[in-house]
Amino acid sequence: MRGTQQAPLLRLSGVSRRYGEREALHPLDLEVLPGTCTALFGHNGSGKSTLLRLACGRDRPTTGEVLFDGGPVDEDDPQVRARVAVVGDTVAFYPDLTVRDHLELITVAHDVAGAGAWIDQVLADRRLTGHADQLPSALSSGQTQALQLAAALVRPRDLLVLDEPEQRLDPGARTRLAELLRGEKDDGVAVLLATHQAELVHAVADHVVVLEDGRVLAEGGPGVLDELDGAA
């Protein structure tokens, strides 16, 4: 947990991102330790997605540096690709591959042992067993979100990056999502989560960074959200 001598798996130092004249993210520092969840909280346009893209190497900072396990983060680096799983804000699946086909492809790419049984378990956990032979186009929005989560879960990971994974999930699925993320922490995975749902923050986060217009508005434990509500 935070406060131990354990080294951060992910470290952002003085990181900012500018697009033309727009400062999407003002300079900030952030550390994510193994076995903990850091939640980025804020409305759309607050800078959450920008920070996530920088954290997983999908974008480069204008200033500062992003380090994963002590080295520069780049999504094309084989070590980063092997150890960082991302559930992003866009959906991209092969239109002619079934749900199971997608998961099998991922396990082959990551050389997962006992892949068949593991895929069956993940499908069951995400309530997708009955849809395993369907194409992604046949899935509901909630099932598509479940497939994105399943795609991250069937592969090895030391860092799990999620951009508003609660979107399009019903209340029961959101409860299962919180249980899933607590299980990830118990397994030693570092979780970096962007959300605007306070309930999910309180359920899983150890540390919260509240963003507004690309700036850090507040930072601390989940209780910082209650403090902001009280000050509003």
C-alpha atoms as a PDB file:
ATOM      1  CA  MET A   1       0.000   0.000   0.000  1.00  0.00           C
ATOM      2  CA  ARG A   2       1.020   3.662  -0.244  1.00  0.00           C
ATOM      3  CA  GLY A   3       3.530   4.692   2.368  1.00  0.00           C
ATOM      4  CA  THR A   4       5.552   1.470   2.175  1.00  0.00           C
ATOM      5  CA  GLN A   5       9.123   1.270   0.907  1.00  0.00           C
ATOM      6  CA  GLN A   6       7.955  -0.418  -2.268  1.00  0.00           C
ATOM      7  CA  ALA A   7       9.135   1.367  -5.415  1.00  0.00           C
ATOM      8  CA  PRO A   8       6.528   2.856  -7.753  1.00  0.00           C
ATOM      9  CA  LEU A   9       5.896   0.804 -10.868  1.00  0.00           C
ATOM     10  CA  LEU A  10       4.738   3.910 -12.735  1.00  0.00           C
ATOM     11  CA  ARG A  11       6.170   7.383 -12.148  1.00  0.00           C
ATOM     12  CA  LEU A  12       5.229  10.627 -13.912  1.00  0.00           C
ATOM     13  CA  SER A  13       7.499  13.589 -13.112  1.00  0.00           C
ATOM     14  CA  GLY A  14       6.684  17.128 -14.231  1.00  0.00           C
ATOM     15  CA  VAL A  15       4.501  15.753 -17.004  1.00  0.00           C
ATOM     16  CA  SER A  16       2.390  18.063 -19.156  1.00  0.00           C
ATOM     17  CA  ARG A  17       0.777  17.875 -22.585  1.00  0.00           C
ATOM     18  CA  ARG A  18       0.039  20.705 -24.988  1.00  0.00           C
ATOM     19  CA  TYR A  19      -1.836  20.387 -28.287  1.00  0.00           C
ATOM     20  CA  GLY A  20      -1.085  23.524 -30.271  1.00  0.00           C
ATOM     21  CA  GLU A  21      -2.114  26.433 -28.086  1.00  0.00           C
ATOM     22  CA  ARG A  22      -4.230  24.271 -25.766  1.00  0.00           C
ATOM     23  CA  GLU A  23      -2.726  23.061 -22.502  1.00  0.00           C
ATOM     24  CA  ALA A  24      -4.566  19.742 -22.112  1.00  0.00           C
ATOM     25  CA  LEU A  25      -2.566  18.780 -19.025  1.00  0.00           C
ATOM     26  CA  HIS A  26      -0.593  21.107 -16.806  1.00  0.00           C
ATOM     27  CA  PRO A  27       2.619  19.831 -15.127  1.00  0.00           C
ATOM     28  CA  LEU A  28       2.014  17.187 -12.491  1.00  0.00           C
ATOM     29  CA  ASP A  29       3.702  14.360 -10.601  1.00  0.00           C
ATOM     30  CA  LEU A  30       2.152  10.948 -10.045  1.00  0.00           C
ATOM     31  CA  GLU A  31       3.264   7.571  -8.686  1.00  0.00           C
ATOM     32  CA  VAL A  32       1.423   4.238  -8.831  1.00  0.00           C
ATOM     33  CA  LEU A  33       2.681   1.375  -6.658  1.00  0.00           C
ATOM     34  CA  PRO A  34       2.145  -2.345  -7.228  1.00  0.00           C
ATOM     35  CA  GLY A  35      -0.962  -3.624  -5.469  1.00  0.00           C
ATOM     36  CA  THR A  36      -2.624  -0.196  -5.333  1.00  0.00           C
ATOM     37  CA  CYS A  37      -5.224   1.699  -7.331  1.00  0.00           C
ATOM     38  CA  THR A  38      -4.844   5.347  -8.249  1.00  0.00           C
ATOM     39  CA  ALA A  39      -8.049   6.949  -9.521  1.00  0.00           C
ATOM     40  CA  LEU A  40      -8.170  10.009 -11.754  1.00  0.00           C
ATOM     41  CA  PHE A  41     -11.453  11.746 -11.049  1.00  0.00           C
ATOM     42  CA  GLY A  42     -13.069  14.525 -13.056  1.00  0.00           C
ATOM     43  CA  HIS A  43     -15.561  15.501 -15.712  1.00  0.00           C
ATOM     44  CA  ASN A  44     -15.073  15.012 -19.446  1.00  0.00           C
ATOM     45  CA  GLY A  45     -12.339  17.341 -20.643  1.00  0.00           C
ATOM     46  CA  SER A  46     -10.586  17.455 -17.275  1.00  0.00           C
ATOM     47  CA  GLY A  47      -7.426  15.777 -18.606  1.00  0.00           C
ATOM     48  CA  LYS A  48      -8.010  12.217 -17.412  1.00  0.00           C
ATOM     49  CA  SER A  49      -7.748  10.516 -20.810  1.00  0.00           C
ATOM     50  CA  THR A  50      -4.736  12.610 -21.772  1.00  0.00           C
ATOM     51  CA  LEU A  51      -2.937  11.512 -18.622  1.00  0.00           C
ATOM     52  CA  LEU A  52      -3.790   7.852 -19.273  1.00  0.00           C
ATOM     53  CA  ARG A  53      -2.424   8.021 -22.829  1.00  0.00           C
ATOM     54  CA  LEU A  54       0.821   9.433 -21.480  1.00  0.00           C
ATOM     55  CA  ALA A  55       0.965   6.825 -18.721  1.00  0.00           C
ATOM     56  CA  CYS A  56       0.769   3.864 -21.106  1.00  0.00           C
ATOM     57  CA  GLY A  57       3.006   5.328 -23.804  1.00  0.00           C
ATOM     58  CA  ARG A  58       0.333   6.033 -26.395  1.00  0.00           C
ATOM     59  CA  ASP A  59       1.260   9.717 -26.373  1.00  0.00           C
ATOM     60  CA  ARG A  60       4.406  11.625 -25.417  1.00  0.00           C
ATOM     61  CA  PRO A  61       4.528  14.436 -22.864  1.00  0.00           C
ATOM     62  CA  THR A  62       5.365  17.988 -23.863  1.00  0.00           C
ATOM     63  CA  THR A  63       7.421  18.299 -20.683  1.00  0.00           C
ATOM     64  CA  GLY A  64       8.578  15.863 -18.019  1.00  0.00           C
ATOM     65  CA  GLU A  65       9.084  12.105 -18.167  1.00  0.00           C
ATOM     66  CA  VAL A  66       7.034   8.953 -17.723  1.00  0.00           C
ATOM     67  CA  LEU A  67       8.822   5.893 -16.325  1.00  0.00           C
ATOM     68  CA  PHE A  68       7.525   2.337 -16.157  1.00  0.00           C
ATOM     69  CA  ASP A  69       9.592   0.116 -13.862  1.00  0.00           C
ATOM     70  CA  GLY A  70      12.409   2.654 -14.066  1.00  0.00           C
ATOM     71  CA  GLY A  71      12.550   2.965 -17.849  1.00  0.00           C
ATOM     72  CA  PRO A  72      10.907   5.330 -20.356  1.00  0.00           C
ATOM     73  CA  VAL A  73       7.410   4.183 -21.275  1.00  0.00           C
ATOM     74  CA  ASP A  74       6.662   3.502 -24.943  1.00  0.00           C
ATOM     75  CA  GLU A  75       3.759   1.347 -26.097  1.00  0.00           C
ATOM     76  CA  ASP A  76       5.984  -0.093 -28.861  1.00  0.00           C
ATOM     77  CA  ASP A  77       8.552  -1.348 -26.332  1.00  0.00           C
ATOM     78  CA  PRO A  78       8.177  -5.154 -26.057  1.00  0.00           C
ATOM     79  CA  GLN A  79       8.511  -5.026 -22.265  1.00  0.00           C
ATOM     80  CA  VAL A  80       5.772  -2.412 -21.981  1.00  0.00           C
ATOM     81  CA  ARG A  81       3.501  -4.302 -24.370  1.00  0.00           C
ATOM     82  CA  ALA A  82       4.039  -7.492 -22.373  1.00  0.00           C
ATOM     83  CA  ARG A  83       3.332  -5.967 -18.961  1.00  0.00           C
ATOM     84  CA  VAL A  84       0.835  -3.127 -19.464  1.00  0.00           C
ATOM     85  CA  ALA A  85      -2.829  -3.900 -20.237  1.00  0.00           C
ATOM     86  CA  VAL A  86      -5.081  -1.060 -21.352  1.00  0.00           C
ATOM     87  CA  VAL A  87      -8.855  -0.722 -21.468  1.00  0.00           C
ATOM     88  CA  GLY A  88      -9.232   2.491 -23.471  1.00  0.00           C
ATOM     89  CA  ASP A  89     -12.010   4.871 -24.404  1.00  0.00           C
ATOM     90  CA  THR A  90     -12.333   3.560 -27.959  1.00  0.00           C
ATOM     91  CA  VAL A  91     -13.574   0.180 -29.168  1.00  0.00           C
ATOM     92  CA  ALA A  92     -11.566  -1.649 -31.847  1.00  0.00           C
ATOM     93  CA  PHE A  93     -12.323  -5.285 -32.680  1.00  0.00           C
ATOM     94  CA  TYR A  94     -11.892  -7.369 -35.826  1.00  0.00           C
ATOM     95  CA  PRO A  95     -15.369  -7.518 -37.386  1.00  0.00           C
ATOM     96  CA  ASP A  96     -15.005 -11.131 -38.584  1.00  0.00           C
ATOM     97  CA  LEU A  97     -13.670 -12.621 -35.327  1.00  0.00           C
ATOM     98  CA  THR A  98     -15.939 -13.912 -32.583  1.00  0.00           C
ATOM     99  CA  VAL A  99     -15.648 -12.989 -28.928  1.00  0.00           C
ATOM    100  CA  ARG A 100     -13.721 -16.188 -28.235  1.00  0.00           C
ATOM    101  CA  ASP A 101     -11.528 -15.682 -31.312  1.00  0.00           C
ATOM    102  CA  HIS A 102     -10.436 -12.297 -29.986  1.00  0.00           C
ATOM    103  CA  LEU A 103      -9.477 -13.710 -26.608  1.00  0.00           C
ATOM    104  CA  GLU A 104      -7.648 -16.659 -28.188  1.00  0.00           C
ATOM    105  CA  LEU A 105      -5.665 -14.270 -30.384  1.00  0.00           C
ATOM    106  CA  ILE A 106      -4.563 -12.298 -27.330  1.00  0.00           C
ATOM    107  CA  THR A 107      -3.506 -15.408 -25.396  1.00  0.00           C
ATOM    108  CA  VAL A 108      -1.468 -16.637 -28.377  1.00  0.00           C
ATOM    109  CA  ALA A 109       0.256 -13.244 -28.679  1.00  0.00           C
ATOM    110  CA  HIS A 110       1.202 -13.374 -24.991  1.00  0.00           C
ATOM    111  CA  ASP A 111       1.981 -17.105 -24.874  1.00  0.00           C
ATOM    112  CA  VAL A 112      -0.528 -17.786 -22.094  1.00  0.00           C
ATOM    113  CA  ALA A 113      -0.368 -21.336 -20.739  1.00  0.00           C
ATOM    114  CA  GLY A 114      -3.654 -23.233 -20.332  1.00  0.00           C
ATOM    115  CA  ALA A 115      -5.350 -20.582 -22.424  1.00  0.00           C
ATOM    116  CA  GLY A 116      -8.567 -22.507 -23.141  1.00  0.00           C
ATOM    117  CA  ALA A 117      -9.559 -22.952 -19.510  1.00  0.00           C
ATOM    118  CA  TRP A 118      -8.494 -19.419 -18.656  1.00  0.00           C
ATOM    119  CA  ILE A 119     -10.594 -17.979 -21.493  1.00  0.00           C
ATOM    120  CA  ASP A 120     -13.611 -19.976 -20.260  1.00  0.00           C
ATOM    121  CA  GLN A 121     -13.141 -18.542 -16.769  1.00  0.00           C
ATOM    122  CA  VAL A 122     -12.818 -14.951 -17.976  1.00  0.00           C
ATOM    123  CA  LEU A 123     -15.871 -15.346 -20.209  1.00  0.00           C
ATOM    124  CA  ALA A 124     -17.856 -16.617 -17.235  1.00  0.00           C
ATOM    125  CA  ASP A 125     -16.593 -13.853 -14.939  1.00  0.00           C
ATOM    126  CA  ARG A 126     -17.576 -11.173 -17.472  1.00  0.00           C
ATOM    127  CA  ARG A 127     -20.977 -12.832 -18.149  1.00  0.00           C
ATOM    128  CA  LEU A 128     -20.002 -13.494 -21.776  1.00  0.00           C
ATOM    129  CA  THR A 129     -20.168 -17.294 -21.938  1.00  0.00           C
ATOM    130  CA  GLY A 130     -23.404 -17.236 -23.923  1.00  0.00           C
ATOM    131  CA  HIS A 131     -21.922 -14.753 -26.385  1.00  0.00           C
ATOM    132  CA  ALA A 132     -18.577 -16.459 -26.992  1.00  0.00           C
ATOM    133  CA  ASP A 133     -19.430 -17.398 -30.585  1.00  0.00           C
ATOM    134  CA  GLN A 134     -20.955 -14.060 -31.524  1.00  0.00           C
ATOM    135  CA  LEU A 135     -19.288 -11.276 -33.491  1.00  0.00           C
ATOM    136  CA  PRO A 136     -18.610  -8.007 -31.635  1.00  0.00           C
ATOM    137  CA  SER A 137     -21.218  -6.247 -33.786  1.00  0.00           C
ATOM    138  CA  ALA A 138     -23.916  -8.422 -32.198  1.00  0.00           C
ATOM    139  CA  LEU A 139     -23.066  -7.351 -28.640  1.00  0.00           C
ATOM    140  CA  SER A 140     -24.837  -4.702 -26.621  1.00  0.00           C
ATOM    141  CA  SER A 141     -22.838  -1.692 -25.428  1.00  0.00           C
ATOM    142  CA  GLY A 142     -22.471  -3.233 -21.973  1.00  0.00           C
ATOM    143  CA  GLN A 143     -21.332  -6.558 -23.439  1.00  0.00           C
ATOM    144  CA  THR A 144     -18.819  -4.732 -25.633  1.00  0.00           C
ATOM    145  CA  GLN A 145     -17.408  -3.066 -22.531  1.00  0.00           C
ATOM    146  CA  ALA A 146     -17.247  -6.481 -20.854  1.00  0.00           C
ATOM    147  CA  LEU A 147     -15.298  -7.808 -23.854  1.00  0.00           C
ATOM    148  CA  GLN A 148     -12.800  -4.967 -23.563  1.00  0.00           C
ATOM    149  CA  LEU A 149     -12.252  -5.904 -19.927  1.00  0.00           C
ATOM    150  CA  ALA A 150     -11.975  -9.590 -20.822  1.00  0.00           C
ATOM    151  CA  ALA A 151      -9.323  -8.791 -23.427  1.00  0.00           C
ATOM    152  CA  ALA A 152      -7.192  -7.190 -20.695  1.00  0.00           C
ATOM    153  CA  LEU A 153      -7.785 -10.003 -18.223  1.00  0.00           C
ATOM    154  CA  VAL A 154      -6.732 -12.956 -20.397  1.00  0.00           C
ATOM    155  CA  ARG A 155      -3.189 -11.620 -20.760  1.00  0.00           C
ATOM    156  CA  PRO A 156      -0.354 -11.112 -18.237  1.00  0.00           C
ATOM    157  CA  ARG A 157      -0.155  -7.638 -16.687  1.00  0.00           C
ATOM    158  CA  ASP A 158       1.694  -5.720 -14.018  1.00  0.00           C
ATOM    159  CA  LEU A 159      -0.059  -2.433 -14.758  1.00  0.00           C
ATOM    160  CA  LEU A 160      -3.744  -2.165 -15.658  1.00  0.00           C
ATOM    161  CA  VAL A 161      -4.847   1.151 -17.182  1.00  0.00           C
ATOM    162  CA  LEU A 162      -8.590   1.783 -17.529  1.00  0.00           C
ATOM    163  CA  ASP A 163     -10.429   4.751 -19.012  1.00  0.00           C
ATOM    164  CA  GLU A 164     -13.903   4.983 -17.449  1.00  0.00           C
ATOM    165  CA  PRO A 165     -14.503   1.210 -17.459  1.00  0.00           C
ATOM    166  CA  GLU A 166     -17.837   1.692 -15.683  1.00  0.00           C
ATOM    167  CA  GLN A 167     -19.328   3.256 -18.807  1.00  0.00           C
ATOM    168  CA  ARG A 168     -22.279   1.324 -20.283  1.00  0.00           C
ATOM    169  CA  LEU A 169     -22.317  -1.159 -17.367  1.00  0.00           C
ATOM    170  CA  ASP A 170     -25.480  -1.835 -15.372  1.00  0.00           C
ATOM    171  CA  PRO A 171     -25.367  -1.610 -11.540  1.00  0.00           C
ATOM    172  CA  GLY A 172     -24.668  -5.332 -11.126  1.00  0.00           C
ATOM    173  CA  ALA A 173     -21.807  -5.206 -13.615  1.00  0.00           C
ATOM    174  CA  ARG A 174     -20.370  -2.167 -11.842  1.00  0.00           C
ATOM    175  CA  THR A 175     -20.362  -4.094  -8.584  1.00  0.00           C
ATOM    176  CA  ARG A 176     -18.507  -6.954 -10.287  1.00  0.00           C
ATOM    177  CA  LEU A 177     -16.073  -4.425 -11.767  1.00  0.00           C
ATOM    178  CA  ALA A 178     -15.215  -3.149  -8.289  1.00  0.00           C
ATOM    179  CA  GLU A 179     -14.678  -6.719  -7.096  1.00  0.00           C
ATOM    180  CA  LEU A 180     -12.460  -7.358 -10.111  1.00  0.00           C
ATOM    181  CA  LEU A 181     -10.269  -4.323  -9.432  1.00  0.00           C
ATOM    182  CA  ARG A 182      -9.883  -5.219  -5.757  1.00  0.00           C
ATOM    183  CA  GLY A 183      -8.796  -8.682  -6.904  1.00  0.00           C
ATOM    184  CA  GLU A 184      -6.235  -7.123  -9.247  1.00  0.00           C
ATOM    185  CA  LYS A 185      -4.745  -5.206  -6.324  1.00  0.00           C
ATOM    186  CA  ASP A 186      -4.654  -8.340  -4.204  1.00  0.00           C
ATOM    187  CA  ASP A 187      -2.650 -10.000  -7.005  1.00  0.00           C
ATOM    188  CA  GLY A 188      -0.090  -7.183  -6.904  1.00  0.00           C
ATOM    189  CA  VAL A 189      -1.222  -5.410 -10.066  1.00  0.00           C
ATOM    190  CA  ALA A 190      -0.888  -1.623 -10.181  1.00  0.00           C
ATOM    191  CA  VAL A 191      -4.162  -0.068 -11.320  1.00  0.00           C
ATOM    192  CA  LEU A 192      -4.537   3.385 -12.868  1.00  0.00           C
ATOM    193  CA  LEU A 193      -8.193   4.239 -13.339  1.00  0.00           C
ATOM    194  CA  ALA A 194      -9.983   7.240 -14.848  1.00  0.00           C
ATOM    195  CA  THR A 195     -13.578   7.684 -13.742  1.00  0.00           C
ATOM    196  CA  HIS A 196     -16.217  10.226 -12.834  1.00  0.00           C
ATOM    197  CA  GLN A 197     -18.124   7.812 -10.576  1.00  0.00           C
ATOM    198  CA  ALA A 198     -17.433   8.536  -6.914  1.00  0.00           C
ATOM    199  CA  GLU A 199     -18.883   5.173  -5.838  1.00  0.00           C
ATOM    200  CA  LEU A 200     -16.218   3.303  -7.798  1.00  0.00           C
ATOM    201  CA  VAL A 201     -13.479   5.511  -6.341  1.00  0.00           C
ATOM    202  CA  HIS A 202     -14.592   4.762  -2.788  1.00  0.00           C
ATOM    203  CA  ALA A 203     -14.831   1.045  -3.584  1.00  0.00           C
ATOM    204  CA  VAL A 204     -11.359   0.495  -5.037  1.00  0.00           C
ATOM    205  CA  ALA A 205      -9.029   3.511  -4.900  1.00  0.00           C
ATOM    206  CA  ASP A 206      -6.136   3.998  -2.511  1.00  0.00           C
ATOM    207  CA  HIS A 207      -5.175   7.373  -3.936  1.00  0.00           C
ATOM    208  CA  VAL A 208      -7.254   9.935  -5.849  1.00  0.00           C
ATOM    209  CA  VAL A 209      -6.191  12.758  -8.146  1.00  0.00           C
ATOM    210  CA  VAL A 210      -9.015  15.185  -8.919  1.00  0.00           C
ATOM    211  CA  LEU A 211      -8.512  16.963 -12.242  1.00  0.00           C
ATOM    212  CA  GLU A 212     -10.204  20.068 -13.596  1.00  0.00           C
ATOM    213  CA  ASP A 213      -9.265  21.775 -16.867  1.00  0.00           C
ATOM    214  CA  GLY A 214      -6.011  19.839 -16.969  1.00  0.00           C
ATOM    215  CA  ARG A 215      -4.916  20.886 -13.479  1.00  0.00           C
ATOM    216  CA  VAL A 216      -4.773  18.978 -10.198  1.00  0.00           C
ATOM    217  CA  LEU A 217      -7.636  20.370  -8.134  1.00  0.00           C
ATOM    218  CA  ALA A 218      -7.135  18.054  -5.145  1.00  0.00           C
ATOM    219  CA  GLU A 219      -5.240  14.902  -4.213  1.00  0.00           C
ATOM    220  CA  GLY A 220      -5.368  12.371  -1.388  1.00  0.00           C
ATOM    221  CA  GLY A 221      -7.381   9.398  -0.199  1.00  0.00           C
ATOM    222  CA  PRO A 222     -10.939   8.722  -1.423  1.00  0.00           C
ATOM    223  CA  GLY A 223     -12.219  11.026   1.309  1.00  0.00           C
ATOM    224  CA  VAL A 224     -10.938  14.002  -0.716  1.00  0.00           C
ATOM    225  CA  LEU A 225     -14.103  13.690  -2.824  1.00  0.00           C
ATOM    226  CA  ASP A 226     -16.274  14.177   0.257  1.00  0.00           C
ATOM    227  CA  GLU A 227     -14.188  17.219   1.242  1.00  0.00           C
ATOM    228  CA  LEU A 228     -14.737  18.760  -2.186  1.00  0.00           C
ATOM    229  CA  ASP A 229     -18.480  18.106  -1.963  1.00  0.00           C
ATOM    230  CA  GLY A 230     -18.576  19.740   1.438  1.00  0.00           C
ATOM    231  CA  ALA A 231     -16.721  22.783   0.178  1.00  0.00           C
ATOM    232  CA  ALA A 232     -18.974  23.188  -2.859  1.00  0.00           C
END
